Amino acid sequence: MASINGIKSNHNFIANNDNHSHHNSINECEEQNIWSSILTQVQTSATNKLPSNKSIIVLGDNDSGKTSLIAKMQGIEDTRKGSGLEYHHLLVRDEYRDEQTQCGVWILDGNCSWNSQLLKFALNDYTIPDTTILLTASMTKPWDIINSLEKWTKVLDNHLKNLNLNREVFNSYKQQNLKRYLEYISPGDEMESLVNTPVKFRSNSDLEVSFKNSISCNSVNSPLPEGVLTHNLGIDIIVVITKTDYMSTLEKEFDYKEESFDFIQQAIRKFCLKFGASLLYVSVKVNKNCDLLYKYLVHRIYGLKFKTPALVVEKDAVFIPTGWDNEKKIAILYENIQSVSPDDDYNEVIGSPIVNKPLQKEVETTAEDDQVFLLKMQSQLNQQMPVGATPPTRTTPIVQKQSERRTPINTPPTGAQIDGSKGTPGGEGVLQTFFNSLLNRKSGSPGVGSPRTPNNITDNRMGVQAELDRMIGSNSSTPTHKLNLSATSSEQ
């Protein structure tokens, strides 16, 4: 009996424990349901706010204007180009709901061979649904536009393949691109609420449902046009052709015609159709379509209102949103393309110009040391000097002594009568007559008004001295030094 009672008591104890654990599990489920309901309410209320996890990745060659374009949309004048992978942000504001957020912007350096590995920090399997690709190419080199766009889409495709995404999830990303194209309605064609309804996916289940609905829609009601999304990468792409103000320079210096620009445009638009991409022509220099690009970006990323239709009239301000374009609309450009065929190879029609004289940068020279320069000059002077010659030295002019300048003259000048018996008073008239004869003589000396050269002055001095010496010989009573002083003063 004791054993039986013990078994019963153990059974009751186990039953009580089971009931207690059952009640605990019920309470835990209720608590989980409470937390789930709270999270659901928070998530529902959060959908009305602008998300903060959106980002833009800017790809393109060097000098394609990536940094300047983002700085323009930021409202910054001072642009500083970085290297590798730069990070910026755009301020996004919803004026209707008075909300704002920041959209991250990644700018990859143009050297794709080295910097493509950095894409993993900006684009991975978690960020793909919230990322927009801004693919840039410059109009300053129109012959490289298609090659540049194809190169960077290939880099992007290889990176997405290396992520090894789940096949179903990646297909849902592709279907999202398809829906963007099929659901586009031009502003004014339908109600405004339908035009600005954003396409949002919150979970994989929503993506799967959208994938099935889009297949039925695409196969029955809205067949995909020919050439559209043949290269679907599962990510939103916007092609931006920068520096369109350079078109005027292409017309003047490279003889580009309207036909050339139409051929370029139709080739770019066909490229955009393959990837389901939008297209904008912008110019930061003249501020053309920069604001339009910003508004279109926040419309595509955050679903804000956007009322601008496609723009194809101005050749340097083209805007083609995703879903608007097709082969028939592109064929309108063919009417102006007469000398070539639209199907011709792009690189053959828009070839790189041949530069006869390659541009050479000025060689920067550095001045050598002063002592080194002087030594070189000294060696050159020594080489040019004849053998045995002494280097030139600075000397002062040699003045002949008074005794060396004395030259005896026996014949007195014509018209000069010298009387040796007369003293000094009569000598003044003789000197005056002599000096007048020197000034008036025509041969061997310059006339009145002629320039006085050093040779003429020396000859005059020698003639005066000779005449004075002759006078001294005839009149020994006159001191020599006085006559010399008199002659000197008269000459002066």
Protein backbone atom coordinates (compact mmCIF):
# COMPACT_ATOMS: atom_id res chain seq x y z
CA MET A 1 0.00 0.00 0.00
CA ALA A 2 2.84 2.36 0.79
CA SER A 3 4.32 1.85 -2.64
CA ILE A 4 0.98 2.44 -4.32
CA ASN A 5 0.42 5.64 -2.36
CA GLY A 6 3.92 6.76 -3.26
CA ILE A 7 3.24 6.23 -6.96
CA LYS A 8 0.01 8.22 -6.74
CA SER A 9 1.70 11.07 -4.94
CA ASN A 10 4.45 11.19 -7.56
CA HIS A 11 1.86 11.17 -10.30
CA ASN A 12 0.01 14.08 -8.71
CA PHE A 13 3.28 15.98 -8.31
CA ILE A 14 4.11 15.53 -12.00
CA ALA A 15 0.62 16.56 -13.02
CA ASN A 16 0.85 19.69 -10.91
CA ASN A 17 4.21 20.52 -12.47
CA ASP A 18 2.79 20.05 -15.94
CA ASN A 19 -0.11 22.34 -15.19
CA HIS A 20 2.29 24.96 -13.80
CA SER A 21 4.56 24.79 -16.85
CA HIS A 22 1.54 25.00 -19.12
CA HIS A 23 0.39 28.16 -17.38
CA ASN A 24 3.91 29.60 -17.67
CA SER A 25 4.04 28.91 -21.39
CA ILE A 26 0.66 30.59 -21.83
CA ASN A 27 1.90 33.62 -19.93
CA GLU A 28 5.08 33.77 -22.04
CA CYS A 29 3.05 33.61 -25.23
CA GLU A 30 0.83 36.41 -24.00
CA GLU A 31 3.90 38.50 -23.15
CA GLN A 32 5.35 37.85 -26.60
CA ASN A 33 2.07 38.84 -28.18
CA ILE A 34 2.09 42.06 -26.16
CA TRP A 35 5.63 42.89 -27.28
CA SER A 36 4.77 41.98 -30.86
CA SER A 37 1.76 44.26 -30.79
CA ILE A 38 3.88 47.08 -29.37
CA LEU A 39 6.53 46.61 -32.05
CA THR A 40 3.85 46.49 -34.71
CA GLN A 41 2.37 49.75 -33.48
CA VAL A 42 5.80 51.38 -33.42
CA GLN A 43 6.54 50.11 -36.91
CA THR A 44 3.21 51.35 -38.18
CA SER A 45 3.73 54.80 -36.72
CA ALA A 46 7.32 54.88 -37.98
CA THR A 47 6.20 54.44 -41.58
CA ASN A 48 4.99 58.02 -41.54
CA LYS A 49 8.52 59.26 -40.85
CA LEU A 50 11.36 59.60 -43.35
CA PRO A 51 13.72 56.62 -43.05
CA SER A 52 17.35 57.27 -42.15
CA ASN A 53 18.92 54.18 -43.72
CA LYS A 54 18.79 55.31 -47.37
CA SER A 55 21.98 55.94 -49.32
CA ILE A 56 23.32 56.91 -52.75
CA ILE A 57 26.47 55.52 -54.39
CA VAL A 58 28.07 57.73 -57.05
CA LEU A 59 30.16 55.93 -59.69
CA GLY A 60 32.07 57.35 -62.65
CA ASP A 61 35.46 58.11 -64.13
CA ASN A 62 37.84 60.72 -62.77
CA ASP A 63 36.99 64.30 -63.76
CA SER A 64 33.37 63.37 -64.46
CA GLY A 65 32.15 65.92 -61.90
CA LYS A 66 31.00 63.55 -59.14
CA THR A 67 32.20 65.62 -56.17
CA SER A 68 31.09 68.94 -57.69
CA LEU A 69 27.62 67.56 -58.40
CA ILE A 70 27.07 66.36 -54.83
CA ALA A 71 28.48 69.61 -53.44
CA LYS A 72 26.04 71.56 -55.61
CA MET A 73 23.09 69.60 -54.25
CA GLN A 74 24.42 70.15 -50.74
CA GLY A 75 24.70 73.88 -51.34
CA ILE A 76 28.46 73.91 -50.79
CA GLU A 77 30.71 76.11 -52.91
CA ASP A 78 34.10 74.81 -51.74
CA THR A 79 34.61 71.34 -53.21
CA ARG A 80 37.47 69.17 -52.05
CA LYS A 81 38.09 66.01 -53.96
CA GLY A 82 39.06 63.02 -51.87
CA SER A 83 40.36 59.58 -52.72
CA GLY A 84 39.19 56.01 -52.26
CA LEU A 85 35.63 56.00 -50.93
CA GLU A 86 34.26 59.34 -49.74
CA TYR A 87 31.19 59.81 -47.56
CA HIS A 88 28.83 62.78 -47.63
CA HIS A 89 25.16 63.31 -46.89
CA LEU A 90 22.20 65.19 -48.32
CA LEU A 91 19.64 66.90 -46.13
CA VAL A 92 16.13 65.72 -47.07
CA ARG A 93 13.11 67.61 -45.83
CA ASP A 94 9.43 66.83 -46.20
CA GLU A 95 7.75 70.22 -45.93
CA TYR A 96 4.28 68.73 -46.02
CA ARG A 97 4.82 66.67 -42.86
CA ASP A 98 7.56 68.92 -41.45
CA GLU A 99 10.06 66.08 -41.21
CA GLN A 100 13.68 65.80 -42.24
CA THR A 101 16.44 63.22 -42.43
CA GLN A 102 19.87 62.65 -43.92
CA CYS A 103 20.60 60.57 -46.99
CA GLY A 104 24.10 59.11 -47.05
CA VAL A 105 26.17 59.62 -50.21
CA TRP A 106 29.16 57.44 -51.10
CA ILE A 107 31.53 58.64 -53.85
CA LEU A 108 33.90 56.03 -55.26
CA ASP A 109 37.16 57.18 -56.82
CA GLY A 110 37.38 56.85 -60.60
CA ASN A 111 40.20 54.29 -60.55
CA CYS A 112 37.95 51.24 -60.63
CA SER A 113 40.80 48.72 -60.84
CA TRP A 114 41.99 49.70 -57.36
CA ASN A 115 38.91 51.05 -55.59
CA SER A 116 36.19 48.63 -56.70
CA GLN A 117 37.02 46.51 -53.66
CA LEU A 118 35.80 49.37 -51.46
CA LEU A 119 32.23 48.92 -52.68
CA LYS A 120 31.65 46.24 -50.05
CA PHE A 121 31.60 48.94 -47.35
CA ALA A 122 28.76 50.81 -49.06
CA LEU A 123 26.85 48.08 -50.90
CA ASN A 124 26.15 44.70 -49.31
CA ASP A 125 23.28 42.26 -48.96
CA TYR A 126 21.69 44.41 -46.21
CA THR A 127 21.85 47.78 -47.98
CA ILE A 128 20.79 46.84 -51.53
CA PRO A 129 17.04 47.57 -51.06
CA ASP A 130 17.85 51.03 -49.67
CA THR A 131 20.55 52.05 -52.17
CA THR A 132 20.37 54.10 -55.36
CA ILE A 133 23.20 54.14 -57.90
CA LEU A 134 24.16 57.46 -59.51
CA LEU A 135 26.16 56.65 -62.64
CA THR A 136 28.00 59.69 -64.06
CA ALA A 137 29.75 60.43 -67.36
CA SER A 138 31.07 63.74 -68.70
CA MET A 139 30.12 65.53 -71.92
CA THR A 140 33.66 66.92 -72.16
CA LYS A 141 34.63 63.53 -73.61
CA PRO A 142 31.55 62.33 -75.51
CA TRP A 143 33.58 59.64 -77.27
CA ASP A 144 34.08 57.89 -73.89
CA ILE A 145 30.51 58.10 -72.54
CA ILE A 146 29.24 54.67 -73.57
CA ASN A 147 32.51 52.93 -72.70
CA SER A 148 32.49 54.56 -69.27
CA LEU A 149 28.87 53.61 -68.55
CA GLU A 150 29.43 50.01 -69.64
CA LYS A 151 32.60 49.75 -67.57
CA TRP A 152 30.95 50.87 -64.35
CA THR A 153 27.83 48.75 -64.80
CA LYS A 154 30.16 45.79 -65.28
CA VAL A 155 31.92 46.68 -62.02
CA LEU A 156 28.55 46.90 -60.29
CA ASP A 157 27.36 43.59 -61.77
CA ASN A 158 30.52 41.77 -60.69
CA HIS A 159 30.21 43.15 -57.17
CA LEU A 160 26.59 42.02 -56.84
CA LYS A 161 27.51 38.55 -58.06
CA ASN A 162 30.31 38.30 -55.51
CA LEU A 163 27.83 38.97 -52.70
CA ASN A 164 26.26 35.53 -53.28
CA LEU A 165 22.75 36.75 -52.51
CA ASN A 166 19.85 34.41 -51.98
CA ARG A 167 18.34 33.67 -55.37
CA GLU A 168 14.75 34.37 -54.36
CA VAL A 169 15.68 37.62 -52.65
CA PHE A 170 17.71 38.77 -55.64
CA ASN A 171 14.80 37.96 -57.97
CA SER A 172 12.58 40.09 -55.75
CA TYR A 173 15.03 42.98 -56.18
CA LYS A 174 14.82 42.55 -59.93
CA GLN A 175 11.05 42.50 -59.76
CA GLN A 176 11.14 45.74 -57.83
CA ASN A 177 12.98 47.33 -60.75
CA LEU A 178 10.36 45.97 -63.11
CA LYS A 179 7.56 47.48 -61.04
CA ARG A 180 9.26 50.88 -61.09
CA TYR A 181 9.18 50.83 -64.86
CA LEU A 182 5.67 49.44 -65.31
CA GLU A 183 4.01 51.63 -62.67
CA TYR A 184 5.31 54.94 -64.00
CA ILE A 185 2.61 57.43 -64.94
CA SER A 186 3.44 60.84 -66.35
CA PRO A 187 2.34 63.76 -64.14
CA GLY A 188 -1.00 65.05 -65.32
CA ASP A 189 -2.12 61.81 -66.94
CA GLU A 190 -3.67 60.41 -63.79
CA MET A 191 -4.63 61.57 -60.32
CA GLU A 192 -1.80 63.12 -58.32
CA SER A 193 -2.15 60.54 -55.59
CA LEU A 194 -1.47 57.75 -58.07
CA VAL A 195 1.51 59.53 -59.53
CA ASN A 196 3.25 59.96 -56.20
CA THR A 197 2.51 56.56 -54.67
CA PRO A 198 5.88 55.12 -53.66
CA VAL A 199 6.78 51.47 -54.08
CA LYS A 200 7.81 50.10 -50.68
CA PHE A 201 8.80 46.65 -49.48
CA ARG A 202 9.08 45.95 -45.78
CA SER A 203 9.81 42.21 -45.72
CA ASN A 204 10.68 39.24 -47.88
CA SER A 205 7.07 38.11 -47.84
CA ASP A 206 5.98 41.42 -49.37
CA LEU A 207 8.65 40.98 -51.99
CA GLU A 208 7.43 37.49 -52.86
CA VAL A 209 3.82 38.67 -53.19
CA SER A 210 4.96 41.57 -55.35
CA PHE A 211 7.03 39.19 -57.46
CA LYS A 212 3.99 36.98 -58.22
CA ASN A 213 1.66 39.90 -58.89
CA SER A 214 4.16 41.56 -61.21
CA ILE A 215 4.66 38.39 -63.23
CA SER A 216 0.94 38.15 -63.93
CA CYS A 217 0.75 41.85 -64.67
CA ASN A 218 3.77 41.78 -66.96
CA SER A 219 2.69 38.70 -68.90
CA VAL A 220 -0.95 39.65 -69.46
CA ASN A 221 -1.82 43.31 -68.98
CA SER A 222 1.47 45.20 -69.49
CA PRO A 223 4.01 43.33 -71.60
CA LEU A 224 7.54 44.63 -71.18
CA PRO A 225 8.64 46.65 -74.25
CA GLU A 226 11.48 45.38 -76.38
CA GLY A 227 14.97 46.19 -75.13
CA VAL A 228 13.81 47.15 -71.62
CA LEU A 229 15.54 45.66 -68.55
CA THR A 230 17.52 43.11 -70.52
CA HIS A 231 20.29 43.71 -67.94
CA ASN A 232 18.31 43.91 -64.72
CA LEU A 233 20.77 44.30 -61.81
CA GLY A 234 18.06 44.50 -59.15
CA ILE A 235 19.06 48.02 -58.06
CA ASP A 236 17.78 51.48 -58.95
CA ILE A 237 20.15 53.30 -61.37
CA ILE A 238 20.11 56.93 -62.46
CA VAL A 239 22.45 57.94 -65.31
CA VAL A 240 23.71 61.53 -65.09
CA ILE A 241 25.56 63.18 -67.99
CA THR A 242 27.53 66.06 -66.47
CA LYS A 243 29.13 69.25 -67.89
CA THR A 244 26.59 69.66 -70.68
CA ASP A 245 27.59 73.33 -70.99
CA TYR A 246 30.61 72.00 -72.91
CA MET A 247 28.35 71.28 -75.90
CA SER A 248 28.92 74.80 -77.21
CA THR A 249 32.67 74.18 -77.17
CA LEU A 250 32.19 70.92 -79.05
CA GLU A 251 30.29 72.82 -81.74
CA LYS A 252 32.93 75.52 -82.13
CA GLU A 253 36.18 73.59 -81.76
CA PHE A 254 35.26 70.05 -82.83
CA ASP A 255 32.57 70.81 -85.44
CA TYR A 256 29.80 68.89 -83.67
CA LYS A 257 26.36 69.24 -85.25
CA GLU A 258 22.82 68.65 -84.03
CA GLU A 259 23.03 65.23 -85.66
CA SER A 260 26.01 64.34 -83.47
CA PHE A 261 24.22 65.24 -80.24
CA ASP A 262 21.09 63.35 -81.33
CA PHE A 263 23.19 60.27 -82.05
CA ILE A 264 24.80 60.53 -78.61
CA GLN A 265 21.42 60.94 -76.91
CA GLN A 266 19.79 57.97 -78.62
CA ALA A 267 22.74 55.74 -77.72
CA ILE A 268 22.57 56.78 -74.05
CA ARG A 269 18.80 56.29 -73.93
CA LYS A 270 19.12 52.77 -75.35
CA PHE A 271 21.71 52.01 -72.68
CA CYS A 272 19.33 53.28 -69.98
CA LEU A 273 16.51 51.08 -71.30
CA LYS A 274 18.67 47.97 -70.90
CA PHE A 275 19.19 48.68 -67.20
CA GLY A 276 15.85 50.36 -66.50
CA ALA A 277 17.69 53.57 -65.58
CA SER A 278 16.63 57.20 -65.58
CA LEU A 279 18.60 59.84 -67.50
CA LEU A 280 19.46 63.46 -66.69
CA TYR A 281 21.70 65.99 -68.43
CA VAL A 282 23.11 68.42 -65.84
CA SER A 283 25.62 71.26 -65.66
CA VAL A 284 26.97 72.45 -62.33
CA LYS A 285 28.74 75.40 -63.98
CA VAL A 286 25.53 77.01 -65.27
CA ASN A 287 23.30 75.34 -62.64
CA LYS A 288 21.17 73.42 -65.11
CA ASN A 289 18.97 70.53 -63.87
CA CYS A 290 20.85 70.26 -60.54
CA ASP A 291 17.74 71.08 -58.51
CA LEU A 292 15.71 68.76 -60.72
CA LEU A 293 18.12 65.91 -59.98
CA TYR A 294 17.83 66.50 -56.24
CA LYS A 295 14.02 66.52 -56.34
CA TYR A 296 13.93 63.41 -58.48
CA LEU A 297 16.30 61.59 -56.11
CA VAL A 298 14.20 62.28 -53.02
CA HIS A 299 11.11 61.29 -55.00
CA ARG A 300 12.62 57.95 -56.00
CA ILE A 301 14.11 57.22 -52.59
CA TYR A 302 11.50 58.63 -50.16
CA GLY A 303 8.38 58.81 -52.32
CA LEU A 304 7.99 62.61 -52.04
CA LYS A 305 5.87 64.48 -54.55
CA PHE A 306 7.33 65.10 -57.99
CA LYS A 307 5.47 66.79 -60.83
CA THR A 308 8.06 67.34 -63.55
CA PRO A 309 7.41 65.40 -66.77
CA ALA A 310 10.04 64.17 -69.21
CA LEU A 311 12.14 66.89 -70.91
CA VAL A 312 13.57 66.24 -74.38
CA VAL A 313 13.37 69.63 -76.11
CA GLU A 314 16.65 71.21 -74.95
CA LYS A 315 19.64 69.16 -76.00
CA ASP A 316 21.67 70.09 -72.88
CA ALA A 317 18.85 69.64 -70.33
CA VAL A 318 17.39 66.20 -71.08
CA PHE A 319 15.36 64.45 -68.36
CA ILE A 320 13.88 60.99 -68.91
CA PRO A 321 12.39 59.22 -65.86
CA THR A 322 12.30 55.47 -65.57
CA GLY A 323 9.24 54.01 -67.30
CA TRP A 324 8.65 56.89 -69.72
CA ASP A 325 11.01 55.97 -72.55
CA ASN A 326 10.75 53.28 -75.21
CA GLU A 327 12.03 52.49 -78.69
CA LYS A 328 9.29 54.46 -80.45
CA LYS A 329 10.13 57.66 -78.58
CA ILE A 330 13.83 57.19 -79.25
CA ALA A 331 13.07 56.73 -82.97
CA ILE A 332 12.01 60.38 -83.16
CA LEU A 333 15.70 61.29 -83.01
CA TYR A 334 16.38 59.20 -86.10
CA GLU A 335 14.78 61.84 -88.31
CA ASN A 336 17.74 64.14 -87.73
CA ILE A 337 20.37 61.40 -88.16
CA GLN A 338 21.01 61.25 -91.90
CA SER A 339 24.75 60.77 -92.53
CA VAL A 340 25.02 57.65 -90.29
CA SER A 341 22.77 54.88 -89.09
CA PRO A 342 21.54 54.82 -85.47
CA ASP A 343 22.69 51.20 -85.27
CA ASP A 344 26.29 52.05 -86.20
CA ASP A 345 29.03 51.47 -83.66
CA TYR A 346 29.16 54.37 -81.24
CA ASN A 347 32.95 54.53 -81.09
CA GLU A 348 33.19 54.74 -84.88
CA VAL A 349 30.66 57.55 -85.23
CA ILE A 350 31.76 59.56 -82.18
CA GLY A 351 35.50 59.08 -82.40
CA SER A 352 38.21 60.66 -80.31
CA PRO A 353 39.61 63.81 -81.98
CA ILE A 354 43.10 63.70 -83.46
CA VAL A 355 45.35 66.25 -81.86
CA ASN A 356 48.19 67.29 -84.19
CA LYS A 357 50.22 69.01 -81.54
CA PRO A 358 50.03 67.27 -78.21
CA LEU A 359 49.62 69.58 -75.32
CA GLN A 360 52.84 69.88 -73.35
CA LYS A 361 52.96 71.22 -69.89
CA GLU A 362 55.48 73.92 -69.18
CA VAL A 363 58.62 72.46 -67.68
CA GLU A 364 59.24 73.91 -64.28
CA THR A 365 62.86 75.03 -63.90
CA THR A 366 64.67 75.52 -60.63
CA ALA A 367 67.22 78.29 -60.29
CA GLU A 368 70.70 77.05 -59.37
CA ASP A 369 72.84 78.46 -56.62
CA ASP A 370 74.50 81.81 -57.28
CA GLN A 371 78.02 80.55 -56.64
CA VAL A 372 77.56 77.62 -59.00
CA PHE A 373 76.26 79.94 -61.70
CA LEU A 374 79.21 82.33 -61.30
CA LEU A 375 81.71 79.48 -61.47
CA LYS A 376 80.17 78.31 -64.75
CA MET A 377 80.35 81.79 -66.20
CA GLN A 378 84.00 82.10 -65.16
CA SER A 379 84.89 78.81 -66.83
CA GLN A 380 83.15 79.91 -70.05
CA LEU A 381 85.03 83.18 -70.09
CA ASN A 382 88.33 81.38 -69.58
CA GLN A 383 87.58 79.07 -72.51
CA GLN A 384 86.76 81.94 -74.86
CA MET A 385 89.92 83.94 -73.96
CA PRO A 386 92.91 83.44 -76.38
CA VAL A 387 96.05 81.70 -75.16
CA GLY A 388 98.52 84.04 -73.40
CA ALA A 389 96.01 86.86 -73.00
CA THR A 390 95.42 88.35 -69.60
CA PRO A 391 91.89 88.76 -68.34
CA PRO A 392 90.50 92.28 -68.69
CA THR A 393 90.69 94.47 -65.63
CA ARG A 394 89.08 97.75 -64.79
CA THR A 395 91.53 100.62 -65.29
CA THR A 396 91.29 104.35 -65.05
CA PRO A 397 92.01 106.50 -68.14
CA ILE A 398 95.69 107.53 -68.40
CA VAL A 399 96.23 111.31 -68.49
CA GLN A 400 99.40 112.52 -70.08
CA LYS A 401 101.65 114.69 -68.05
CA GLN A 402 101.96 118.33 -68.92
CA SER A 403 105.59 117.98 -70.02
CA GLU A 404 104.65 115.11 -72.42
CA ARG A 405 101.98 117.18 -74.10
CA ARG A 406 104.39 119.91 -75.10
CA THR A 407 105.09 119.82 -78.83
CA PRO A 408 107.29 122.52 -80.42
CA ILE A 409 105.57 124.46 -83.14
CA ASN A 410 107.79 126.88 -85.11
CA THR A 411 105.12 128.38 -87.37
CA PRO A 412 102.69 130.70 -85.68
CA PRO A 413 99.04 130.52 -86.69
CA THR A 414 97.82 132.72 -89.54
CA GLY A 415 96.69 136.17 -88.47
CA ALA A 416 98.48 135.99 -85.13
CA GLN A 417 101.19 138.66 -84.73
CA ILE A 418 103.27 138.17 -81.67
CA ASP A 419 105.54 140.95 -80.50
CA GLY A 420 108.06 139.66 -77.99
CA SER A 421 108.99 143.13 -76.82
CA LYS A 422 105.52 143.70 -75.44
CA GLY A 423 104.72 142.77 -71.84
CA THR A 424 101.73 141.11 -70.33
CA PRO A 425 99.20 143.83 -71.14
CA GLY A 426 99.76 143.28 -74.89
CA GLY A 427 99.73 139.52 -74.41
CA GLU A 428 96.00 139.43 -73.60
CA GLY A 429 95.06 140.68 -77.07
CA VAL A 430 97.39 138.14 -78.68
CA LEU A 431 95.80 135.31 -76.71
CA GLN A 432 92.31 136.47 -77.69
CA THR A 433 93.27 136.57 -81.36
CA PHE A 434 94.83 133.12 -81.08
CA PHE A 435 91.77 131.53 -79.49
CA ASN A 436 89.49 133.11 -82.09
CA SER A 437 91.64 131.65 -84.82
CA LEU A 438 91.35 128.21 -83.22
CA LEU A 439 87.58 128.50 -83.13
CA ASN A 440 87.25 129.77 -86.69
CA ARG A 441 89.71 127.52 -88.52
CA LYS A 442 88.11 125.10 -90.96
CA SER A 443 90.66 122.42 -91.57
CA GLY A 444 91.71 119.85 -88.93
CA SER A 445 89.22 120.90 -86.25
CA PRO A 446 85.44 121.08 -85.86
CA GLY A 447 83.57 124.25 -86.54
CA VAL A 448 81.37 126.27 -84.28
CA GLY A 449 78.50 124.29 -82.91
CA SER A 450 80.15 120.89 -83.55
CA PRO A 451 80.16 118.44 -80.68
CA ARG A 452 83.30 118.41 -78.60
CA THR A 453 84.79 114.97 -78.59
CA PRO A 454 87.69 113.85 -76.38
CA ASN A 455 90.07 113.84 -79.38
CA ASN A 456 89.14 117.39 -80.36
CA ILE A 457 89.61 118.61 -76.82
CA THR A 458 93.06 116.97 -76.63
CA ASP A 459 94.15 118.50 -79.97
CA ASN A 460 93.04 121.94 -78.84
CA ARG A 461 94.91 121.58 -75.60
CA MET A 462 98.07 120.54 -77.41
CA GLY A 463 97.78 123.52 -79.82
CA VAL A 464 97.27 125.94 -76.97
CA GLN A 465 100.23 124.52 -75.09
CA ALA A 466 102.47 124.78 -78.16
CA GLU A 467 101.49 128.39 -78.68
CA LEU A 468 102.15 129.15 -75.04
CA ASP A 469 105.55 127.51 -75.23
CA ARG A 470 106.45 129.66 -78.22
CA MET A 471 105.32 132.75 -76.36
CA ILE A 472 107.43 131.74 -73.38
CA GLY A 473 110.46 131.52 -75.65
CA SER A 474 109.93 135.07 -76.92
CA ASN A 475 109.07 136.55 -73.55
CA SER A 476 111.13 134.97 -70.81
CA SER A 477 109.90 137.41 -68.19
CA THR A 478 106.49 135.63 -67.88
CA PRO A 479 106.52 132.73 -65.33
CA THR A 480 105.74 129.32 -66.80
CA HIS A 481 103.22 128.24 -64.21
CA LYS A 482 101.18 131.38 -64.66
CA LEU A 483 100.93 130.89 -68.41
CA ASN A 484 99.84 127.31 -67.93
CA LEU A 485 97.19 128.35 -65.47
CA SER A 486 96.06 131.04 -67.86
CA ALA A 487 95.83 128.57 -70.69
CA THR A 488 93.91 126.13 -68.57
CA SER A 489 91.43 128.71 -67.42
CA SER A 490 90.98 130.02 -70.95
CA GLU A 491 90.32 126.51 -72.21
CA GLN A 492 87.72 125.95 -69.62
